[in-house]
Protein backbone atom coordinates (compact mmCIF):
# COMPACT_ATOMS: atom_id res chain seq x y z
CA MET A 1 18.91 10.65 -13.17
CA PRO A 2 16.94 12.69 -10.61
CA LEU A 3 13.63 11.35 -9.30
CA VAL A 4 10.75 12.64 -11.43
CA LEU A 5 7.12 12.34 -10.27
CA TYR A 6 3.79 13.23 -11.87
CA ASN A 7 2.05 15.95 -9.86
CA SER A 8 -1.75 15.73 -10.06
CA LEU A 9 -1.96 19.37 -8.96
CA THR A 10 0.05 20.75 -11.90
CA ARG A 11 -0.79 17.92 -14.34
CA ARG A 12 2.85 17.39 -15.30
CA LYS A 13 5.98 15.51 -14.31
CA GLU A 14 8.27 17.40 -11.96
CA THR A 15 11.75 16.80 -10.61
CA PHE A 16 11.33 15.88 -6.97
CA GLU A 17 13.17 18.21 -4.62
CA PRO A 18 12.22 17.60 -0.98
CA LEU A 19 11.90 20.48 1.44
CA ASP A 20 14.52 18.76 3.57
CA PRO A 21 16.58 15.90 2.04
CA GLY A 22 17.31 14.72 5.56
CA ARG A 23 13.59 14.29 6.31
CA VAL A 24 11.51 13.45 3.24
CA ARG A 25 7.83 13.49 4.25
CA MET A 26 4.97 11.56 2.63
CA TYR A 27 1.33 11.08 3.66
CA VAL A 28 -0.97 8.49 2.06
CA CYS A 29 -4.65 8.02 2.83
CA GLY A 30 -5.10 4.63 4.46
CA PRO A 31 -8.07 2.31 4.94
CA THR A 32 -11.41 2.83 6.60
CA VAL A 33 -11.42 -0.29 8.73
CA TYR A 34 -14.83 -1.93 8.54
CA ASP A 35 -14.26 -4.82 6.10
CA LEU A 36 -11.56 -6.79 4.29
CA ALA A 37 -9.33 -4.88 1.87
CA HIS A 38 -10.13 -5.47 -1.79
CA ILE A 39 -7.57 -5.77 -4.56
CA GLY A 40 -8.10 -2.12 -5.55
CA ASN A 41 -7.04 -1.10 -2.04
CA GLY A 42 -4.05 -3.37 -2.48
CA ARG A 43 -3.06 -1.56 -5.67
CA ALA A 44 -2.89 1.79 -3.88
CA VAL A 45 -0.82 0.35 -1.03
CA ILE A 46 1.64 -1.32 -3.41
CA ALA A 47 2.00 1.79 -5.60
CA PHE A 48 3.00 3.94 -2.65
CA ASP A 49 5.06 1.17 -1.08
CA LEU A 50 7.13 1.23 -4.27
CA LEU A 51 7.53 5.01 -3.95
CA TYR A 52 8.54 4.57 -0.30
CA ARG A 53 11.22 2.05 -1.30
CA VAL A 54 12.55 4.33 -4.06
CA LEU A 55 12.69 7.29 -1.64
CA ARG A 56 14.50 5.18 0.96
CA HIS A 57 16.99 4.05 -1.67
CA ALA A 58 17.59 7.63 -2.83
CA TYR A 59 17.73 9.43 0.56
CA GLY A 60 18.42 6.67 3.08
CA ALA A 61 15.94 4.64 5.10
CA GLY A 62 16.39 6.86 8.15
CA HIS A 63 15.57 10.01 6.20
CA VAL A 64 12.07 9.17 4.94
CA ARG A 65 8.97 9.62 7.09
CA TYR A 66 5.99 7.76 5.65
CA VAL A 67 2.61 8.30 7.31
CA ARG A 68 -0.45 6.26 6.35
CA ASN A 69 -3.53 6.71 8.50
CA ILE A 70 -6.24 4.40 9.78
CA THR A 71 -9.78 5.80 9.67
CA ASP A 72 -11.45 4.16 12.65
CA VAL A 73 -14.43 6.49 13.10
CA GLU A 74 -16.77 6.83 10.13
CA ASP A 75 -20.39 6.17 9.23
CA LYS A 76 -19.55 2.94 7.32
CA ILE A 77 -17.91 1.58 10.47
CA ILE A 78 -20.93 2.49 12.56
CA ALA A 79 -23.25 0.79 10.03
CA ALA A 80 -21.08 -2.36 9.84
CA ALA A 81 -21.00 -2.67 13.64
CA ARG A 82 -24.76 -2.20 13.86
CA ASP A 83 -25.42 -4.80 11.17
CA SER A 84 -23.06 -7.40 12.66
CA GLY A 85 -23.66 -6.73 16.34
CA GLU A 86 -19.89 -6.52 16.87
CA PRO A 87 -18.68 -3.68 19.13
CA ILE A 88 -17.02 -0.90 17.13
CA ASP A 89 -13.68 -1.22 18.96
CA ALA A 90 -13.58 -4.96 18.28
CA LEU A 91 -14.60 -4.46 14.65
CA THR A 92 -11.91 -1.86 13.92
CA ALA A 93 -9.23 -3.84 15.79
CA ARG A 94 -10.05 -7.01 13.85
CA THR A 95 -10.24 -5.38 10.42
CA THR A 96 -7.05 -3.39 11.07
CA ALA A 97 -5.22 -6.62 11.89
CA GLU A 98 -6.65 -8.24 8.74
CA PHE A 99 -5.50 -5.26 6.66
CA HIS A 100 -1.98 -5.50 8.11
CA ALA A 101 -1.80 -9.24 7.42
CA ASP A 102 -3.02 -8.88 3.83
CA MET A 103 -0.63 -6.03 2.99
CA ALA A 104 2.30 -7.87 4.58
CA ALA A 105 1.45 -10.88 2.39
CA LEU A 106 1.80 -8.54 -0.61
CA GLY A 107 5.26 -7.52 0.57
CA ALA A 108 4.32 -3.99 1.66
CA LEU A 109 6.56 -2.37 4.25
CA PRO A 110 4.74 -0.89 7.24
CA PRO A 111 4.64 2.92 7.28
CA ASP A 112 6.85 4.75 9.76
CA ILE A 113 3.75 6.12 11.49
CA GLU A 114 0.19 4.83 11.32
CA PRO A 115 -2.06 7.31 13.13
CA ARG A 116 -5.57 6.24 14.08
CA ALA A 117 -8.17 8.98 13.71
CA THR A 118 -9.67 8.44 17.16
CA ALA A 119 -6.31 9.31 18.78
CA TYR A 120 -6.25 12.78 17.14
CA ILE A 121 -9.65 14.20 18.12
CA PRO A 122 -8.14 17.14 20.11
CA GLN A 123 -6.03 18.16 17.10
CA MET A 124 -9.13 18.02 14.86
CA ILE A 125 -11.14 20.20 17.25
CA ALA A 126 -8.27 22.71 17.44
CA LEU A 127 -8.05 22.86 13.65
CA ILE A 128 -11.80 23.44 13.32
CA GLU A 129 -11.63 26.22 15.92
CA ARG A 130 -8.82 27.85 13.92
CA LEU A 131 -10.94 27.70 10.75
CA ILE A 132 -13.93 29.26 12.49
CA ALA A 133 -11.78 32.05 13.97
CA ALA A 134 -10.38 32.80 10.50
CA GLY A 135 -13.86 33.02 8.97
CA HIS A 136 -13.52 29.87 6.86
CA ALA A 137 -15.94 27.75 8.89
CA TYR A 138 -19.05 28.20 11.01
CA ALA A 139 -21.14 26.35 13.59
CA ALA A 140 -24.78 25.47 13.01
CA GLU A 141 -27.13 23.12 14.86
CA GLY A 142 -24.41 21.03 16.47
CA HIS A 143 -22.38 20.94 13.24
CA ALA A 144 -19.25 22.74 12.16
CA LEU A 145 -19.00 23.31 8.40
CA PHE A 146 -16.37 24.63 6.03
CA ALA A 147 -17.55 27.68 4.07
CA VAL A 148 -16.51 26.87 0.51
CA ALA A 149 -17.23 30.40 -0.72
CA SER A 150 -14.56 31.71 1.66
CA TRP A 151 -11.80 29.95 -0.26
CA PRO A 152 -11.54 31.24 -3.88
CA SER A 153 -9.05 28.57 -5.00
CA TYR A 154 -11.43 25.74 -4.04
CA GLY A 155 -11.38 23.25 -6.94
CA LYS A 156 -7.75 23.75 -8.01
CA LEU A 157 -6.87 20.06 -7.64
CA ALA A 158 -10.01 18.62 -9.26
CA ARG A 159 -10.11 21.44 -11.86
CA ARG A 160 -13.88 21.45 -11.84
CA SER A 161 -16.30 24.35 -11.70
CA ARG A 162 -18.21 24.93 -8.50
CA ASP A 163 -21.44 23.61 -10.04
CA GLU A 164 -19.68 20.47 -11.31
CA MET A 165 -18.21 19.82 -7.87
CA ILE A 166 -21.54 20.20 -6.11
CA ALA A 167 -23.21 17.83 -8.57
CA GLY A 168 -20.34 15.33 -8.43
CA ALA A 169 -20.19 15.26 -4.65
CA ARG A 170 -23.91 14.49 -4.27
CA VAL A 171 -23.95 17.01 -1.43
CA GLU A 172 -26.38 16.71 1.41
CA VAL A 173 -29.08 19.36 1.29
CA ALA A 174 -29.51 20.70 4.81
CA PRO A 175 -31.21 23.82 6.18
CA TYR A 176 -28.25 24.62 8.45
CA LYS A 177 -25.88 25.05 5.49
CA ARG A 178 -25.13 28.54 4.23
CA ASP A 179 -24.19 27.10 0.84
CA PRO A 180 -25.01 23.69 -0.70
CA GLY A 181 -21.29 23.05 -1.28
CA ASP A 182 -20.25 23.56 2.33
CA PHE A 183 -18.92 20.35 3.85
CA VAL A 184 -18.99 18.91 7.35
CA LEU A 185 -16.06 19.27 9.72
CA TRP A 186 -17.93 18.07 12.81
CA LYS A 187 -21.34 16.47 13.24
CA PRO A 188 -23.49 15.50 16.23
CA SER A 189 -23.63 11.92 17.50
CA THR A 190 -26.63 10.15 18.94
CA PRO A 191 -26.18 8.39 22.31
CA ASP A 192 -25.52 5.05 20.59
CA GLN A 193 -22.88 6.47 18.24
CA PRO A 194 -19.19 7.22 18.98
CA GLY A 195 -18.80 10.80 20.14
CA TRP A 196 -16.53 13.30 21.88
CA ASP A 197 -17.23 16.53 23.68
CA SER A 198 -16.56 19.66 21.63
CA PRO A 199 -17.48 23.37 21.55
CA TRP A 200 -20.34 22.38 19.20
CA GLY A 201 -21.68 19.59 21.36
CA ARG A 202 -21.03 15.87 21.58
CA GLY A 203 -20.16 14.56 18.15
CA ARG A 204 -17.54 13.16 15.82
CA PRO A 205 -15.31 14.52 13.05
CA GLY A 206 -16.03 14.58 9.36
CA TRP A 207 -13.80 12.38 7.19
CA HIS A 208 -11.82 15.18 5.54
CA ILE A 209 -10.71 16.98 8.70
CA GLU A 210 -9.20 13.75 10.02
CA CYS A 211 -6.44 13.61 7.40
CA SER A 212 -5.70 17.33 7.65
CA ALA A 213 -5.18 17.09 11.40
CA MET A 214 -3.19 13.84 11.34
CA SER A 215 -0.87 14.92 8.52
CA GLU A 216 -0.18 18.30 10.13
CA THR A 217 0.56 16.70 13.49
CA GLU A 218 2.96 14.11 12.09
CA LEU A 219 4.52 15.93 9.12
CA GLY A 220 4.02 19.64 9.69
CA GLU A 221 2.11 22.42 7.99
CA THR A 222 3.73 21.77 4.59
CA PHE A 223 5.18 18.44 3.48
CA ASP A 224 6.50 16.82 0.31
CA ILE A 225 4.07 14.23 -1.06
CA HIS A 226 0.41 13.38 -0.51
CA GLY A 227 -0.92 10.23 -2.16
CA GLY A 228 -4.03 8.15 -2.62
CA GLY A 229 -6.36 6.63 -5.17
CA LEU A 230 -7.66 8.68 -8.10
CA ASP A 231 -11.17 8.51 -6.65
CA LEU A 232 -10.01 10.60 -3.68
CA ILE A 233 -9.15 13.72 -5.70
CA PHE A 234 -12.66 15.03 -5.17
CA PRO A 235 -14.06 15.63 -2.68
CA HIS A 236 -11.58 14.24 -0.14
CA HIS A 237 -8.26 15.70 -1.27
CA GLU A 238 -9.83 18.92 -2.55
CA ASN A 239 -11.39 19.43 0.88
CA GLU A 240 -8.13 18.61 2.66
CA ILE A 241 -6.37 21.34 0.68
CA ALA A 242 -9.08 23.91 1.44
CA GLN A 243 -9.05 23.15 5.17
CA SER A 244 -5.32 22.97 5.63
CA GLU A 245 -4.30 25.93 3.48
CA SER A 246 -7.02 28.26 4.73
CA ALA A 247 -6.10 27.37 8.32
CA HIS A 248 -2.52 28.48 7.64
CA SER A 249 -3.03 31.75 5.74
CA GLY A 250 -2.72 30.06 2.36
CA HIS A 251 0.60 28.32 3.01
CA PRO A 252 0.99 25.20 0.80
CA PHE A 253 -0.27 21.91 2.17
CA ALA A 254 1.36 19.12 0.09
CA ARG A 255 3.79 20.13 -2.64
CA ILE A 256 3.23 17.06 -4.85
CA TRP A 257 -0.04 15.16 -5.16
CA MET A 258 0.10 11.61 -6.53
CA HIS A 259 -2.82 9.35 -7.44
CA ASN A 260 -2.98 5.77 -8.66
CA GLU A 261 -5.55 4.83 -11.31
CA MET A 262 -8.51 2.61 -10.62
CA LEU A 263 -8.75 -1.15 -10.95
CA THR A 264 -11.45 -3.03 -12.84
CA VAL A 265 -12.37 -6.71 -12.76
CA ASP A 266 -12.76 -8.31 -16.20
CA GLY A 267 -13.34 -4.85 -17.64
CA VAL A 268 -16.01 -3.79 -15.15
CA LYS A 269 -15.52 -1.27 -12.36
CA MET A 270 -15.30 -3.04 -9.02
CA SER A 271 -18.19 -2.09 -6.74
CA LYS A 272 -20.30 -3.62 -4.00
CA SER A 273 -23.50 -2.76 -5.87
CA LEU A 274 -22.38 -4.97 -8.78
CA GLY A 275 -21.23 -7.72 -6.44
CA ASN A 276 -17.81 -8.00 -8.09
CA ILE A 277 -15.61 -7.02 -5.16
CA THR A 278 -12.52 -9.24 -5.01
CA THR A 279 -10.70 -9.11 -1.69
CA VAL A 280 -6.95 -9.45 -1.32
CA ARG A 281 -7.57 -12.46 0.90
CA GLU A 282 -9.56 -14.23 -1.84
CA VAL A 283 -6.73 -13.72 -4.34
CA LEU A 284 -4.16 -14.90 -1.79
CA GLU A 285 -6.00 -18.22 -1.66
CA LYS A 286 -5.20 -18.68 -5.36
CA ALA A 287 -1.77 -17.11 -5.81
CA PRO A 288 1.33 -16.25 -3.76
CA GLY A 289 1.46 -12.69 -2.45
CA GLU A 290 4.67 -12.05 -4.39
CA ALA A 291 2.92 -12.90 -7.68
CA ILE A 292 -0.01 -10.64 -6.79
CA ARG A 293 2.40 -7.81 -6.01
CA LEU A 294 4.22 -8.22 -9.32
CA ALA A 295 0.90 -8.33 -11.18
CA LEU A 296 -0.11 -5.03 -9.56
CA LEU A 297 3.23 -3.49 -10.53
CA SER A 298 3.14 -4.78 -14.11
CA THR A 299 0.87 -1.88 -15.15
CA HIS A 300 2.04 1.71 -14.54
CA TYR A 301 0.37 3.12 -11.46
CA ARG A 302 -1.26 5.94 -13.48
CA ASP A 303 -2.78 3.56 -16.03
CA PRO A 304 -6.04 1.63 -15.54
CA LEU A 305 -5.53 -1.98 -14.48
CA ASP A 306 -7.95 -4.75 -15.40
CA TRP A 307 -7.61 -7.54 -12.86
CA THR A 308 -7.86 -11.07 -14.24
CA GLU A 309 -6.47 -14.47 -13.28
CA GLN A 310 -4.29 -14.26 -16.38
CA LYS A 311 -2.63 -11.17 -14.89
CA TRP A 312 -1.28 -12.90 -11.81
CA GLY A 313 -0.66 -16.10 -13.77
CA GLN A 314 1.72 -14.17 -16.03
CA ALA A 315 3.36 -12.60 -12.97
CA ARG A 316 3.91 -16.02 -11.45
CA ALA A 317 5.57 -17.22 -14.66
CA THR A 318 7.83 -14.15 -14.60
CA LEU A 319 8.86 -14.92 -11.04
CA ASP A 320 9.57 -18.53 -12.05
CA ARG A 321 11.98 -17.22 -14.70
CA PHE A 322 13.68 -14.80 -12.32
CA TYR A 323 14.07 -17.40 -9.57
CA ARG A 324 15.43 -20.00 -12.01
CA ALA A 325 18.13 -17.50 -12.96
CA LEU A 326 18.88 -16.86 -9.30
CA ASP A 327 19.05 -20.59 -8.55
CA LEU A 328 21.93 -21.24 -10.97
CA PRO A 329 25.29 -22.00 -9.30
CA ALA A 330 27.49 -18.91 -9.09
CA ASP A 331 30.24 -17.08 -7.22
CA ARG A 332 28.32 -14.52 -5.15
CA SER A 333 31.28 -12.90 -3.40
CA GLY A 334 30.79 -9.45 -4.95
CA GLU A 335 28.86 -6.51 -3.47
CA PRO A 336 25.42 -6.35 -5.17
CA SER A 337 23.94 -3.09 -6.46
CA VAL A 338 20.80 -1.95 -8.26
CA PRO A 339 21.54 -1.76 -12.00
CA GLY A 340 21.32 1.73 -13.46
CA ALA A 341 18.66 0.82 -16.03
CA VAL A 342 16.27 -0.39 -13.32
CA ARG A 343 16.96 2.61 -11.11
CA ASP A 344 16.44 4.99 -14.03
CA ALA A 345 13.09 3.37 -14.87
CA LEU A 346 11.79 3.72 -11.32
CA GLU A 347 13.08 7.27 -11.00
CA ASP A 348 11.00 8.17 -14.06
CA ASP A 349 7.66 8.41 -12.23
CA LEU A 350 7.86 4.83 -10.92
CA ASN A 351 7.91 3.13 -14.32
CA ALA A 352 7.67 -0.37 -12.87
CA PRO A 353 6.77 -2.08 -16.18
CA LEU A 354 10.01 -0.79 -17.71
CA ALA A 355 11.95 -1.86 -14.62
CA ILE A 356 10.48 -5.38 -14.95
CA SER A 357 11.54 -5.42 -18.61
CA GLN A 358 15.09 -4.54 -17.56
CA MET A 359 14.99 -7.37 -15.02
CA HIS A 360 14.07 -9.78 -17.82
CA GLU A 361 17.20 -8.61 -19.63
CA LEU A 362 19.23 -9.37 -16.49
CA ALA A 363 17.73 -12.86 -16.19
CA GLY A 364 18.67 -13.56 -19.79
CA ALA A 365 22.22 -12.34 -19.17
CA ILE A 366 22.50 -14.63 -16.14
CA ASN A 367 21.47 -17.61 -18.24
CA ARG A 368 24.09 -16.72 -20.84
CA ALA A 369 26.93 -15.95 -18.38
CA ALA A 370 30.10 -17.89 -19.19
CA ASP A 371 31.59 -18.13 -15.71
CA ALA A 372 30.48 -18.30 -12.09
CA ALA A 373 31.86 -14.87 -11.15
CA GLU A 374 29.97 -13.07 -13.91
CA ARG A 375 26.82 -15.04 -13.11
CA GLY A 376 27.13 -14.12 -9.43
CA ARG A 377 27.59 -10.43 -10.23
CA LEU A 378 24.47 -10.39 -12.38
CA GLN A 379 22.49 -12.37 -9.82
CA GLY A 380 23.40 -9.74 -7.23
CA GLN A 381 22.04 -7.05 -9.53
CA LEU A 382 18.80 -8.97 -10.11
CA ARG A 383 18.38 -9.53 -6.37
CA SER A 384 19.01 -5.83 -5.66
CA ALA A 385 16.57 -4.75 -8.35
CA GLY A 386 14.00 -7.13 -6.89
CA ALA A 387 14.50 -5.79 -3.38
CA LEU A 388 13.84 -2.26 -4.64
CA MET A 389 10.63 -3.56 -6.24
CA GLY A 390 9.69 -5.59 -3.16
CA ILE A 391 10.15 -8.99 -4.85
CA LEU A 392 12.78 -11.77 -5.15
CA GLU A 393 13.56 -11.64 -1.43
CA GLY A 394 12.71 -15.30 -0.79
CA ASP A 395 14.70 -18.49 -1.31
CA ALA A 396 14.91 -19.35 -5.01
CA ALA A 397 14.87 -23.11 -4.50
CA ALA A 398 11.85 -22.89 -2.20
CA TRP A 399 9.94 -20.76 -4.72
CA LEU A 400 10.68 -23.20 -7.51
CA ARG A 401 9.51 -26.06 -5.32
CA GLY A 402 6.26 -24.20 -4.76
CA VAL A 403 6.46 -23.63 -1.01
CA SER A 404 6.88 -20.60 1.24
CA ASP A 405 10.09 -19.85 3.11
CA ALA A 406 8.47 -21.04 6.35
CA GLU A 407 7.35 -24.30 4.74
CA ALA A 408 10.80 -24.84 3.25
CA THR A 409 12.38 -24.35 6.69
CA GLU A 410 9.99 -26.90 8.20
CA ILE A 411 10.77 -29.42 5.44
CA GLU A 412 14.52 -28.96 5.87
CA THR A 413 14.12 -29.46 9.62
CA ARG A 414 12.26 -32.71 9.03
CA ILE A 415 15.00 -33.89 6.64
CA VAL A 416 17.63 -33.23 9.32
CA GLU A 417 15.52 -35.20 11.83
CA ARG A 418 15.28 -38.09 9.36
CA ALA A 419 19.05 -38.07 8.74
CA GLN A 420 19.65 -38.20 12.50
CA ALA A 421 17.24 -41.13 12.82
CA ARG A 422 19.07 -43.00 10.05
CA ARG A 423 22.45 -42.41 11.69
CA GLU A 424 21.05 -43.80 14.93
CA ARG A 425 19.57 -46.76 12.99
CA ARG A 426 16.01 -45.75 13.94
CA PHE A 427 14.81 -46.76 10.52
CA ALA A 428 11.13 -46.90 11.49
CA ASP A 429 11.29 -43.23 12.54
CA ALA A 430 13.13 -42.32 9.32
CA ASP A 431 10.52 -44.12 7.23
CA ARG A 432 7.72 -42.40 9.13
CA ILE A 433 9.17 -38.95 8.43
CA ARG A 434 9.51 -39.79 4.72
CA ALA A 435 5.90 -41.02 4.65
CA GLU A 436 4.60 -37.92 6.43
CA LEU A 437 6.38 -35.64 3.98
CA LEU A 438 5.12 -37.69 1.04
CA ALA A 439 1.58 -37.33 2.38
CA ASP A 440 2.12 -33.56 2.17
CA GLY A 441 3.31 -33.88 -1.43
CA ILE A 442 7.04 -33.70 -0.68
CA VAL A 443 9.26 -36.31 -2.37
CA LEU A 444 12.71 -37.01 -0.87
CA GLU A 445 15.60 -38.04 -3.09
CA ASP A 446 18.65 -39.60 -1.40
CA LYS A 447 21.90 -38.90 -3.25
CA PRO A 448 24.94 -41.24 -3.48
CA ASP A 449 27.02 -38.76 -1.50
CA GLY A 450 24.67 -39.09 1.46
CA THR A 451 22.76 -35.83 0.98
CA THR A 452 19.00 -35.65 0.52
CA THR A 453 17.16 -33.24 -1.78
CA TRP A 454 13.45 -32.75 -2.10
CA ARG A 455 10.83 -31.62 -4.54
CA ARG A 456 7.10 -31.07 -4.55
CA GLU A 457 5.26 -33.96 -6.19
């Protein structure tokens, strides 16, 4: 079946038809790098990582261009650096590296391009100048502001009235604004704040203009998909549309807008004011990244997700079942492929829960398979389905023993060293290696045929 995606702009599912099948283009709003990513951030990354994988499967890995930005100049970053005493460059470099490590632990592929806002200041200034020349923006007291009244379709994504949008945005009341709803494109910087020279004085960009400039530079005036969390629809994505389309005589910006629903913790919205922020790193201390990823995918991306320990505990049990099926002896000589039922589920607006259900069916069929060839064929399908979902790419035996691939490799290396010591009759060394592994919870079992297996105690 063709790929069908829900478009937040039209409020309906649409068959996805890229502008250019040889160059499918997607932009997703990335992190503002001032602190560790929380599990809600992780949900957005995993949702669009799944879409990226599905697009690569459908059009070819070399024909998809995925851009996810890094916001490295923003008032929250300035405040965090001031509070900690850490230089801004060091703060953003550290938190960017932490974000990359956390998302990699969740099995997310890196985007094809990851633009940092501070590297695109000239493009932002040029875009603001274009808006001012077209009468959609104006300069005032060192600021440049977008004139909302100049764009009649403002609000088409959020589908709110002008008064509702002004109230919802908690707009800053300022004497230099022509209209309370006008939003900042450029603002002045004090000497101790990051700043760049511009026609309006030394300053820095507003948040919204950053994504408009970066997406246009990397993907063009009009591209296929723009994604992000549901909380970004207004004002961020609404403002992006207004800026980008008014700067290009009304030409479309993104053709399909996709948004993942929010995440709660034990039924309560996650927020710093409530003190219930759960970082990805904190969850990784309790559960493997693969289990966290599966837990995030077990609820459809457009449905609310309540995050509990039971959620990732169930995901871990599911992975145990899948890996047990993959660990059964089989003839794996065939060419694996993604089963049609799994592909169809994901092509229906990324229905990951249905895809997982189909994978359970596959695991059951593997367990019931009468011969090694049939078992191997089904295992290949389960592996391929998992790869499309970003799971089941590790060693089955290592997962079932409760260790990572790297740990399993280290254990196997130590077993080889012990076998060599025994052959050379260095029994003290062999006993030492066994004792060291046992101290780490690894039990060795010597078989009559001379081989050694291991398990976690």
